[in-house]
Amino acid sequence: MAVIHRTTLTPSKLELLTSWLPSRPWYEGGGRRPELTKAGGFRLDDPQGEVGIEFMVVTDASGDRPVSYHVPLTYRGAPLEGADHALIGMAEHGVLGRRWIYDGAHDPVLVARLHALFQGDAEPQAQSVSDTPDLSVTWSFTGAAAPGPIRPAAVADAPHATDIVVDAATANDAADDDRGGRLTMRVIRVLRPGENDVADALGHVTAGWRLPDGAEVRGVFAVVTDAGDSAGEAGGDPAS
């Protein structure tokens, strides 16, 4: 279960994201420096207990209207090989020491756990409370079950999302150790309240966040499609 340490992180996550967000193709602030507040999110556990996994929402109030961004993050005690392009920054944790913080869409541990969440094999955890399931996070998946490990294939950014293409075995082909199917897990980066972006999806994850006026809203954080329309197949980087 996720353990939350009540300590400092220097620089803070918001400070790191303030520098990093403007470099993303899905950032809507133009050339402005974002003014970020933490707005919500949840966590997933790494079964090996090595990697921190957080699906964080931050709201930027620098423009005419606030914009909420979904940033999956991973926290590691050592660099992730081959993932320099996904490094958001390094920070000093008051308990755990030096941490390497990555855009989790490029981290194979987060990718595997997000896939497990869609399969019903991972339980969302509260963002800021230890050992506490987050029952507000809901998900669905109508595709074939994947009994074995997935194989990340490619990651690519789109204007409002990031597509993570994975190969997954299914129950029908697991005995042959053959490729069961290619799926795209689309991480929604610019959040909108409501059940959007799910009409043609094989599955979706829905969670909540807070607006600047204090209103609690819900929306889609991620969806699963087949790989036919994925940005990854249009030339994305190989998965880290």
C-alpha atoms as a PDB file:
ATOM      1  CA  MET A   1       0.000   0.000   0.000  1.00  0.00           C
ATOM      2  CA  ALA A   2       1.185   3.547  -0.736  1.00  0.00           C
ATOM      3  CA  VAL A   3       3.146   5.157   2.106  1.00  0.00           C
ATOM      4  CA  ILE A   4       3.060   8.959   2.280  1.00  0.00           C
ATOM      5  CA  HIS A   5       5.967  10.599   4.118  1.00  0.00           C
ATOM      6  CA  ARG A   6       5.181  13.884   5.874  1.00  0.00           C
ATOM      7  CA  THR A   7       8.384  15.671   4.907  1.00  0.00           C
ATOM      8  CA  THR A   8       9.903  18.134   2.467  1.00  0.00           C
ATOM      9  CA  LEU A   9      10.765  17.824  -1.213  1.00  0.00           C
ATOM     10  CA  THR A  10      13.262  20.388  -2.509  1.00  0.00           C
ATOM     11  CA  PRO A  11      12.546  21.706  -5.075  1.00  0.00           C
ATOM     12  CA  SER A  12       8.840  20.997  -4.759  1.00  0.00           C
ATOM     13  CA  LYS A  13       6.800  19.171  -7.387  1.00  0.00           C
ATOM     14  CA  LEU A  14       5.026  22.401  -8.292  1.00  0.00           C
ATOM     15  CA  GLU A  15       8.345  24.183  -8.767  1.00  0.00           C
ATOM     16  CA  LEU A  16       9.607  21.427 -11.056  1.00  0.00           C
ATOM     17  CA  LEU A  17       6.371  21.342 -13.051  1.00  0.00           C
ATOM     18  CA  THR A  18       6.357  25.127 -13.435  1.00  0.00           C
ATOM     19  CA  SER A  19       9.607  24.845 -15.386  1.00  0.00           C
ATOM     20  CA  TRP A  20       8.670  21.674 -17.265  1.00  0.00           C
ATOM     21  CA  LEU A  21       5.061  22.220 -18.384  1.00  0.00           C
ATOM     22  CA  PRO A  22       5.732  25.015 -20.927  1.00  0.00           C
ATOM     23  CA  SER A  23       7.927  22.599 -22.906  1.00  0.00           C
ATOM     24  CA  ARG A  24       5.030  20.175 -23.472  1.00  0.00           C
ATOM     25  CA  PRO A  25       3.089  20.250 -26.768  1.00  0.00           C
ATOM     26  CA  TRP A  26      -0.189  19.946 -24.849  1.00  0.00           C
ATOM     27  CA  TYR A  27       0.498  22.998 -22.646  1.00  0.00           C
ATOM     28  CA  GLU A  28      -2.086  25.668 -23.482  1.00  0.00           C
ATOM     29  CA  GLY A  29      -0.349  28.637 -21.885  1.00  0.00           C
ATOM     30  CA  GLY A  30       1.602  29.804 -24.919  1.00  0.00           C
ATOM     31  CA  GLY A  31       4.749  31.516 -23.725  1.00  0.00           C
ATOM     32  CA  ARG A  32       3.378  32.276 -20.258  1.00  0.00           C
ATOM     33  CA  ARG A  33       4.951  30.965 -17.098  1.00  0.00           C
ATOM     34  CA  PRO A  34       2.322  28.791 -15.384  1.00  0.00           C
ATOM     35  CA  GLU A  35       0.886  29.626 -11.975  1.00  0.00           C
ATOM     36  CA  LEU A  36       0.235  26.175 -10.564  1.00  0.00           C
ATOM     37  CA  THR A  37      -1.748  24.792  -7.667  1.00  0.00           C
ATOM     38  CA  LYS A  38      -2.236  21.162  -6.724  1.00  0.00           C
ATOM     39  CA  ALA A  39      -5.799  20.169  -7.634  1.00  0.00           C
ATOM     40  CA  GLY A  40      -6.110  16.425  -7.038  1.00  0.00           C
ATOM     41  CA  GLY A  41      -5.093  12.980  -8.205  1.00  0.00           C
ATOM     42  CA  PHE A  42      -4.415   9.480  -6.886  1.00  0.00           C
ATOM     43  CA  ARG A  43      -1.623   6.922  -6.607  1.00  0.00           C
ATOM     44  CA  LEU A  44      -0.906   3.341  -7.594  1.00  0.00           C
ATOM     45  CA  ASP A  45       1.412   0.926  -5.829  1.00  0.00           C
ATOM     46  CA  ASP A  46       4.538  -0.585  -7.347  1.00  0.00           C
ATOM     47  CA  PRO A  47       4.420  -4.278  -6.298  1.00  0.00           C
ATOM     48  CA  GLN A  48       8.209  -4.203  -5.911  1.00  0.00           C
ATOM     49  CA  GLY A  49       8.039  -1.175  -3.615  1.00  0.00           C
ATOM     50  CA  GLU A  50      10.769   0.648  -5.547  1.00  0.00           C
ATOM     51  CA  VAL A  51       8.966   3.294  -7.614  1.00  0.00           C
ATOM     52  CA  GLY A  52       6.514   5.926  -6.404  1.00  0.00           C
ATOM     53  CA  ILE A  53       3.560   6.348  -8.788  1.00  0.00           C
ATOM     54  CA  GLU A  54       1.286   9.387  -8.723  1.00  0.00           C
ATOM     55  CA  PHE A  55      -1.360  10.639 -11.130  1.00  0.00           C
ATOM     56  CA  MET A  56      -1.279  14.334 -10.263  1.00  0.00           C
ATOM     57  CA  VAL A  57      -3.599  17.160 -11.319  1.00  0.00           C
ATOM     58  CA  VAL A  58      -2.309  20.727 -11.335  1.00  0.00           C
ATOM     59  CA  THR A  59      -4.293  23.799 -12.318  1.00  0.00           C
ATOM     60  CA  ASP A  60      -2.690  26.730 -14.122  1.00  0.00           C
ATOM     61  CA  ALA A  61      -4.275  30.110 -13.338  1.00  0.00           C
ATOM     62  CA  SER A  62      -1.934  32.236 -15.447  1.00  0.00           C
ATOM     63  CA  GLY A  63      -4.356  32.787 -18.340  1.00  0.00           C
ATOM     64  CA  ASP A  64      -7.857  34.131 -18.868  1.00  0.00           C
ATOM     65  CA  ARG A  65      -9.330  30.835 -17.643  1.00  0.00           C
ATOM     66  CA  PRO A  66      -7.857  28.126 -15.439  1.00  0.00           C
ATOM     67  CA  VAL A  67      -6.621  24.948 -17.150  1.00  0.00           C
ATOM     68  CA  SER A  68      -6.187  21.648 -15.299  1.00  0.00           C
ATOM     69  CA  TYR A  69      -3.414  19.295 -16.406  1.00  0.00           C
ATOM     70  CA  HIS A  70      -2.989  15.610 -15.627  1.00  0.00           C
ATOM     71  CA  VAL A  71       0.667  14.672 -15.061  1.00  0.00           C
ATOM     72  CA  PRO A  72       1.489  11.046 -14.205  1.00  0.00           C
ATOM     73  CA  LEU A  73       4.704  11.075 -12.168  1.00  0.00           C
ATOM     74  CA  THR A  74       7.171   8.442 -11.036  1.00  0.00           C
ATOM     75  CA  TYR A  75       9.690   8.870  -8.243  1.00  0.00           C
ATOM     76  CA  ARG A  76      12.873   6.804  -8.333  1.00  0.00           C
ATOM     77  CA  GLY A  77      15.931   6.435  -6.144  1.00  0.00           C
ATOM     78  CA  ALA A  78      18.238   6.143  -9.178  1.00  0.00           C
ATOM     79  CA  PRO A  79      18.065   7.270 -12.819  1.00  0.00           C
ATOM     80  CA  LEU A  80      15.872   5.285 -15.225  1.00  0.00           C
ATOM     81  CA  GLU A  81      18.140   4.070 -17.997  1.00  0.00           C
ATOM     82  CA  GLY A  82      17.297   5.507 -21.405  1.00  0.00           C
ATOM     83  CA  ALA A  83      14.732   7.976 -20.055  1.00  0.00           C
ATOM     84  CA  ASP A  84      16.672  11.248 -19.922  1.00  0.00           C
ATOM     85  CA  HIS A  85      14.109  12.779 -22.295  1.00  0.00           C
ATOM     86  CA  ALA A  86      11.365  12.066 -19.723  1.00  0.00           C
ATOM     87  CA  LEU A  87      13.159  13.466 -16.670  1.00  0.00           C
ATOM     88  CA  ILE A  88      11.178  16.314 -15.104  1.00  0.00           C
ATOM     89  CA  GLY A  89      13.854  17.004 -12.525  1.00  0.00           C
ATOM     90  CA  MET A  90      15.657  15.854  -9.411  1.00  0.00           C
ATOM     91  CA  ALA A  91      14.681  16.696  -5.851  1.00  0.00           C
ATOM     92  CA  GLU A  92      15.853  16.003  -2.326  1.00  0.00           C
ATOM     93  CA  HIS A  93      13.324  14.069  -0.245  1.00  0.00           C
ATOM     94  CA  GLY A  94      13.531  14.630   3.503  1.00  0.00           C
ATOM     95  CA  VAL A  95      13.291  10.885   4.235  1.00  0.00           C
ATOM     96  CA  LEU A  96      14.290   9.038   1.065  1.00  0.00           C
ATOM     97  CA  GLY A  97      17.070  11.323  -0.153  1.00  0.00           C
ATOM     98  CA  ARG A  98      17.719  12.120  -3.820  1.00  0.00           C
ATOM     99  CA  ARG A  99      14.778  11.354  -6.095  1.00  0.00           C
ATOM    100  CA  TRP A 100      14.614  11.319  -9.879  1.00  0.00           C
ATOM    101  CA  ILE A 101      11.164  12.462 -11.007  1.00  0.00           C
ATOM    102  CA  TYR A 102       9.901  11.369 -14.430  1.00  0.00           C
ATOM    103  CA  ASP A 103       6.964  11.909 -16.732  1.00  0.00           C
ATOM    104  CA  GLY A 104       5.369   8.575 -15.896  1.00  0.00           C
ATOM    105  CA  ALA A 105       4.046   7.996 -19.406  1.00  0.00           C
ATOM    106  CA  HIS A 106       7.629   7.007 -20.279  1.00  0.00           C
ATOM    107  CA  ASP A 107       8.235   4.860 -17.200  1.00  0.00           C
ATOM    108  CA  PRO A 108       7.572   1.129 -17.753  1.00  0.00           C
ATOM    109  CA  VAL A 109       6.556   0.619 -14.120  1.00  0.00           C
ATOM    110  CA  LEU A 110       3.775   3.209 -14.302  1.00  0.00           C
ATOM    111  CA  VAL A 111       2.711   1.940 -17.723  1.00  0.00           C
ATOM    112  CA  ALA A 112       2.386  -1.608 -16.369  1.00  0.00           C
ATOM    113  CA  ARG A 113       0.411  -0.457 -13.328  1.00  0.00           C
ATOM    114  CA  LEU A 114      -1.936   1.693 -15.423  1.00  0.00           C
ATOM    115  CA  HIS A 115      -2.589  -1.335 -17.598  1.00  0.00           C
ATOM    116  CA  ALA A 116      -3.197  -3.372 -14.431  1.00  0.00           C
ATOM    117  CA  LEU A 117      -5.701  -0.750 -13.267  1.00  0.00           C
ATOM    118  CA  PHE A 118      -7.681  -1.139 -16.482  1.00  0.00           C
ATOM    119  CA  GLN A 119      -7.579  -4.920 -15.976  1.00  0.00           C
ATOM    120  CA  GLY A 120      -8.865  -4.593 -12.409  1.00  0.00           C
ATOM    121  CA  ASP A 121      -5.567  -5.827 -10.945  1.00  0.00           C
ATOM    122  CA  ALA A 122      -4.459  -2.571  -9.288  1.00  0.00           C
ATOM    123  CA  GLU A 123      -6.285  -0.617  -6.595  1.00  0.00           C
ATOM    124  CA  PRO A 124      -6.138   3.203  -6.676  1.00  0.00           C
ATOM    125  CA  GLN A 125      -4.699   4.719  -3.521  1.00  0.00           C
ATOM    126  CA  ALA A 126      -5.362   8.085  -1.877  1.00  0.00           C
ATOM    127  CA  GLN A 127      -2.972  10.770  -3.047  1.00  0.00           C
ATOM    128  CA  SER A 128      -2.023  12.122   0.372  1.00  0.00           C
ATOM    129  CA  VAL A 129      -2.980   9.445   2.936  1.00  0.00           C
ATOM    130  CA  SER A 130      -1.016   6.235   3.566  1.00  0.00           C
ATOM    131  CA  ASP A 131      -2.572   2.789   3.168  1.00  0.00           C
ATOM    132  CA  THR A 132      -5.937   4.157   2.034  1.00  0.00           C
ATOM    133  CA  PRO A 133      -7.733   3.043  -1.133  1.00  0.00           C
ATOM    134  CA  ASP A 134      -9.270   5.861  -3.178  1.00  0.00           C
ATOM    135  CA  LEU A 135     -12.782   4.617  -3.815  1.00  0.00           C
ATOM    136  CA  SER A 136     -13.650   7.686  -5.890  1.00  0.00           C
ATOM    137  CA  VAL A 137     -11.520   6.474  -8.823  1.00  0.00           C
ATOM    138  CA  THR A 138     -13.568   4.346 -11.218  1.00  0.00           C
ATOM    139  CA  TRP A 139     -12.571   2.382 -14.290  1.00  0.00           C
ATOM    140  CA  SER A 140     -13.935   0.057 -16.950  1.00  0.00           C
ATOM    141  CA  PHE A 141     -12.437  -2.238 -19.581  1.00  0.00           C
ATOM    142  CA  THR A 142     -14.256  -4.303 -22.209  1.00  0.00           C
ATOM    143  CA  GLY A 143     -11.230  -5.699 -24.033  1.00  0.00           C
ATOM    144  CA  ALA A 144      -9.688  -9.147 -23.720  1.00  0.00           C
ATOM    145  CA  ALA A 145      -7.947 -10.047 -20.475  1.00  0.00           C
ATOM    146  CA  ALA A 146      -4.145  -9.983 -20.559  1.00  0.00           C
ATOM    147  CA  PRO A 147      -2.767 -12.589 -18.136  1.00  0.00           C
ATOM    148  CA  GLY A 148       0.895 -11.896 -18.818  1.00  0.00           C
ATOM    149  CA  PRO A 149       3.175  -8.851 -18.734  1.00  0.00           C
ATOM    150  CA  ILE A 150       2.741  -6.147 -21.337  1.00  0.00           C
ATOM    151  CA  ARG A 151       5.465  -4.972 -23.685  1.00  0.00           C
ATOM    152  CA  PRO A 152       5.650  -1.154 -24.076  1.00  0.00           C
ATOM    153  CA  ALA A 153       6.161  -0.258 -27.733  1.00  0.00           C
ATOM    154  CA  ALA A 154       5.978   3.523 -28.229  1.00  0.00           C
ATOM    155  CA  VAL A 155       4.972   6.797 -26.579  1.00  0.00           C
ATOM    156  CA  ALA A 156       3.914   9.967 -28.394  1.00  0.00           C
ATOM    157  CA  ASP A 157       2.358  13.281 -27.408  1.00  0.00           C
ATOM    158  CA  ALA A 158      -0.788  14.586 -29.071  1.00  0.00           C
ATOM    159  CA  PRO A 159      -2.267  18.096 -28.639  1.00  0.00           C
ATOM    160  CA  HIS A 160      -4.262  17.180 -25.513  1.00  0.00           C
ATOM    161  CA  ALA A 161      -3.020  13.701 -24.627  1.00  0.00           C
ATOM    162  CA  THR A 162      -0.162  11.223 -24.612  1.00  0.00           C
ATOM    163  CA  ASP A 163      -0.547   7.854 -26.321  1.00  0.00           C
ATOM    164  CA  ILE A 164       1.217   4.826 -24.823  1.00  0.00           C
ATOM    165  CA  VAL A 165       1.233   1.860 -27.200  1.00  0.00           C
ATOM    166  CA  VAL A 166       1.680  -1.577 -25.604  1.00  0.00           C
ATOM    167  CA  ASP A 167       1.641  -5.170 -26.785  1.00  0.00           C
ATOM    168  CA  ALA A 168      -0.276  -7.472 -24.485  1.00  0.00           C
ATOM    169  CA  ALA A 169      -0.842 -11.218 -24.410  1.00  0.00           C
ATOM    170  CA  THR A 170      -4.439 -12.370 -24.052  1.00  0.00           C
ATOM    171  CA  ALA A 171      -5.950 -15.449 -22.475  1.00  0.00           C
ATOM    172  CA  ASN A 172      -6.234 -17.062 -25.915  1.00  0.00           C
ATOM    173  CA  ASP A 173      -2.574 -16.749 -26.842  1.00  0.00           C
ATOM    174  CA  ALA A 174      -0.817 -16.772 -23.458  1.00  0.00           C
ATOM    175  CA  ALA A 175       0.066 -20.460 -23.844  1.00  0.00           C
ATOM    176  CA  ASP A 176       1.852 -19.681 -27.093  1.00  0.00           C
ATOM    177  CA  ASP A 177       3.684 -16.707 -25.609  1.00  0.00           C
ATOM    178  CA  ASP A 178       2.531 -14.851 -28.690  1.00  0.00           C
ATOM    179  CA  ARG A 179       1.448 -11.266 -29.167  1.00  0.00           C
ATOM    180  CA  GLY A 180      -2.124 -11.007 -28.006  1.00  0.00           C
ATOM    181  CA  GLY A 181      -2.933  -7.548 -29.258  1.00  0.00           C
ATOM    182  CA  ARG A 182      -1.761  -3.997 -29.490  1.00  0.00           C
ATOM    183  CA  LEU A 183      -3.518  -1.434 -27.325  1.00  0.00           C
ATOM    184  CA  THR A 184      -3.152   2.278 -26.881  1.00  0.00           C
ATOM    185  CA  MET A 185      -3.577   3.721 -23.413  1.00  0.00           C
ATOM    186  CA  ARG A 186      -4.286   7.399 -23.982  1.00  0.00           C
ATOM    187  CA  VAL A 187      -3.423   9.607 -20.998  1.00  0.00           C
ATOM    188  CA  ILE A 188      -5.635  12.705 -21.106  1.00  0.00           C
ATOM    189  CA  ARG A 189      -3.396  15.676 -20.328  1.00  0.00           C
ATOM    190  CA  VAL A 190      -5.844  18.600 -20.501  1.00  0.00           C
ATOM    191  CA  LEU A 191      -8.722  17.612 -18.227  1.00  0.00           C
ATOM    192  CA  ARG A 192     -12.326  18.562 -18.886  1.00  0.00           C
ATOM    193  CA  PRO A 193     -15.196  17.819 -16.489  1.00  0.00           C
ATOM    194  CA  GLY A 194     -17.586  15.134 -17.703  1.00  0.00           C
ATOM    195  CA  GLU A 195     -17.488  11.733 -19.386  1.00  0.00           C
ATOM    196  CA  ASN A 196     -15.702  12.887 -22.529  1.00  0.00           C
ATOM    197  CA  ASP A 197     -13.383  10.957 -24.859  1.00  0.00           C
ATOM    198  CA  VAL A 198     -14.941   7.552 -24.056  1.00  0.00           C
ATOM    199  CA  ALA A 199     -17.513   6.899 -26.793  1.00  0.00           C
ATOM    200  CA  ASP A 200     -15.285   4.565 -28.835  1.00  0.00           C
ATOM    201  CA  ALA A 201     -12.977   3.471 -26.017  1.00  0.00           C
ATOM    202  CA  LEU A 202     -12.431  -0.075 -24.795  1.00  0.00           C
ATOM    203  CA  GLY A 203     -12.007   1.317 -21.296  1.00  0.00           C
ATOM    204  CA  HIS A 204     -11.532   4.451 -19.269  1.00  0.00           C
ATOM    205  CA  VAL A 205     -10.402   5.743 -15.866  1.00  0.00           C
ATOM    206  CA  THR A 206     -12.388   8.537 -14.237  1.00  0.00           C
ATOM    207  CA  ALA A 207     -11.327  10.528 -11.181  1.00  0.00           C
ATOM    208  CA  GLY A 208     -11.917  13.876  -9.520  1.00  0.00           C
ATOM    209  CA  TRP A 209     -10.155  17.170  -8.939  1.00  0.00           C
ATOM    210  CA  ARG A 210     -10.902  20.622  -7.555  1.00  0.00           C
ATOM    211  CA  LEU A 211     -11.480  23.811  -9.531  1.00  0.00           C
ATOM    212  CA  PRO A 212     -10.011  27.109  -8.281  1.00  0.00           C
ATOM    213  CA  ASP A 213     -13.422  28.118  -6.887  1.00  0.00           C
ATOM    214  CA  GLY A 214     -13.449  24.964  -4.738  1.00  0.00           C
ATOM    215  CA  ALA A 215     -15.952  23.041  -6.869  1.00  0.00           C
ATOM    216  CA  GLU A 216     -15.360  19.280  -7.041  1.00  0.00           C
ATOM    217  CA  VAL A 217     -15.535  17.882 -10.583  1.00  0.00           C
ATOM    218  CA  ARG A 218     -14.841  14.565 -12.293  1.00  0.00           C
ATOM    219  CA  GLY A 219     -13.507  13.672 -15.698  1.00  0.00           C
ATOM    220  CA  VAL A 220     -11.647  11.109 -17.763  1.00  0.00           C
ATOM    221  CA  PHE A 221      -7.962  10.653 -16.919  1.00  0.00           C
ATOM    222  CA  ALA A 222      -7.154   7.858 -19.387  1.00  0.00           C
ATOM    223  CA  VAL A 223      -8.796   5.689 -22.035  1.00  0.00           C
ATOM    224  CA  VAL A 224      -7.903   2.472 -23.857  1.00  0.00           C
ATOM    225  CA  THR A 225      -8.300   2.077 -27.613  1.00  0.00           C
ATOM    226  CA  ASP A 226      -6.859  -0.258 -30.177  1.00  0.00           C
ATOM    227  CA  ALA A 227      -3.645   1.051 -31.698  1.00  0.00           C
ATOM    228  CA  GLY A 228      -5.062   2.064 -35.054  1.00  0.00           C
ATOM    229  CA  ASP A 229      -5.494   5.745 -34.225  1.00  0.00           C
ATOM    230  CA  SER A 230      -2.577   6.111 -31.830  1.00  0.00           C
ATOM    231  CA  ALA A 231      -0.082   8.925 -32.080  1.00  0.00           C
ATOM    232  CA  GLY A 232       2.558   6.329 -31.209  1.00  0.00           C
ATOM    233  CA  GLU A 233       2.063   4.519 -34.522  1.00  0.00           C
ATOM    234  CA  ALA A 234       2.451   7.840 -36.277  1.00  0.00           C
ATOM    235  CA  GLY A 235       6.056   8.138 -35.233  1.00  0.00           C
ATOM    236  CA  GLY A 236       6.329   8.267 -31.462  1.00  0.00           C
ATOM    237  CA  ASP A 237       9.488   7.561 -29.511  1.00  0.00           C
ATOM    238  CA  PRO A 238      10.169   3.979 -28.437  1.00  0.00           C
ATOM    239  CA  ALA A 239       8.968   3.308 -24.928  1.00  0.00           C
ATOM    240  CA  SER A 240      11.546   3.815 -22.211  1.00  0.00           C
END
